[in-house]
Amino acid sequence: MKQTSKPSEGAFANVTTILTRQGYARFDARSLIGTGLVAAAEKLRQACRSELLALDPYDRVRCRRRFLDESLFVPWMDSIIRVPPFLNEDGEVFTMYQQYVTVNTVEKGVSRQFPGLSAAFASFPVTVVLSVLIRKLFRIFTQAGVLSFPMQPHRVGLHVIGLCPDETTPSVVSPDCFHHDDEPATAAILLWLENISGGQVWIGAPEAATAQKKPKEVPEMVKDTFTLQLPFQGYLVNDRVVSHYVSATERENKSETAARVVLLVDFTPVFAIRNSELAILTGQQHATH
């Protein structure tokens, strides 16, 4: 079997150092994936074309698409275990997601049901690329001190968000201001960009999220701004140290379809998990005494 080339230690060290110092860092996910998985990475990108994504049921103007999947990463076992999604009364697969009202005032703290992974996204070899990203990103976040419990199980969110403006209506993130995601560590990776104007990333002080302001309203709180333009460009954030915002997207050519699709990989430590629950997730049996 062909070996996957490993990214240089220098690439890890540089991103880790910047993340530690600033609370955020830009990076290229291709440096984590390695050259041996280039074809598989392209399949990941193709799986996230906007027409393959389900509509976000909570987007009032129907210009946002997304799906969500969750896994459990157990560091001491080096195991990534998919958390089974739910099935609603219509037979549709979905994953539960909740943010406190103080984090997302738009959704008012309600539990949201997002569509589960598409078949293309959950298939081999796309899952291999996702596994590599999860392990490498976890290593960066722990070495940077963003995640303080390197041997603790972590819940991993795989959240694909597509901003897909139509001829007259921009597509915006939720909430449409500086905010926190509420997961301690998040990586955002651009997978698809087509006919888009806007989508500028802004990094701000934590107070900007508390104030629920946009960059032009609190210029003194802006730390950085940049635009993701190429596939697999991304950024990492320490959610406790900085806030972030993505500006509205519009169509450059009004008569053509447009999309900005980003993969979010987030990590949250799990502090209470029984051995029996872990056994069920991993498929292991514990002897009874």
Foldseek 3Di string as FASTA:
>chain_A
DDDFDAADVVLLVVQLVCCLVQQKGWHFCCSQLGPVCPVLLLLLLVCQDPVNFAFFPPDPVRQKTKAKWKWKQQQVVRDTFTDAFDADPVRFTWHWDFDDCLFFVPVNGDIGTGGHGDPSCPDPPNVVSVSSSVVSQLVSCVSSVLDPCSRFMKMKMKMKMKRKAALPGWGFDGPQWWGFPPFQKKKKFWSDWDQKDFFKKWKFFHVRRSVRHHCVVCVVGTDDIDHDDDGRIIMMGRRVGITMHTHIMDGNDNVDITITMMIMIGIHGDDDDDPVNVCVRVVHDDDDD
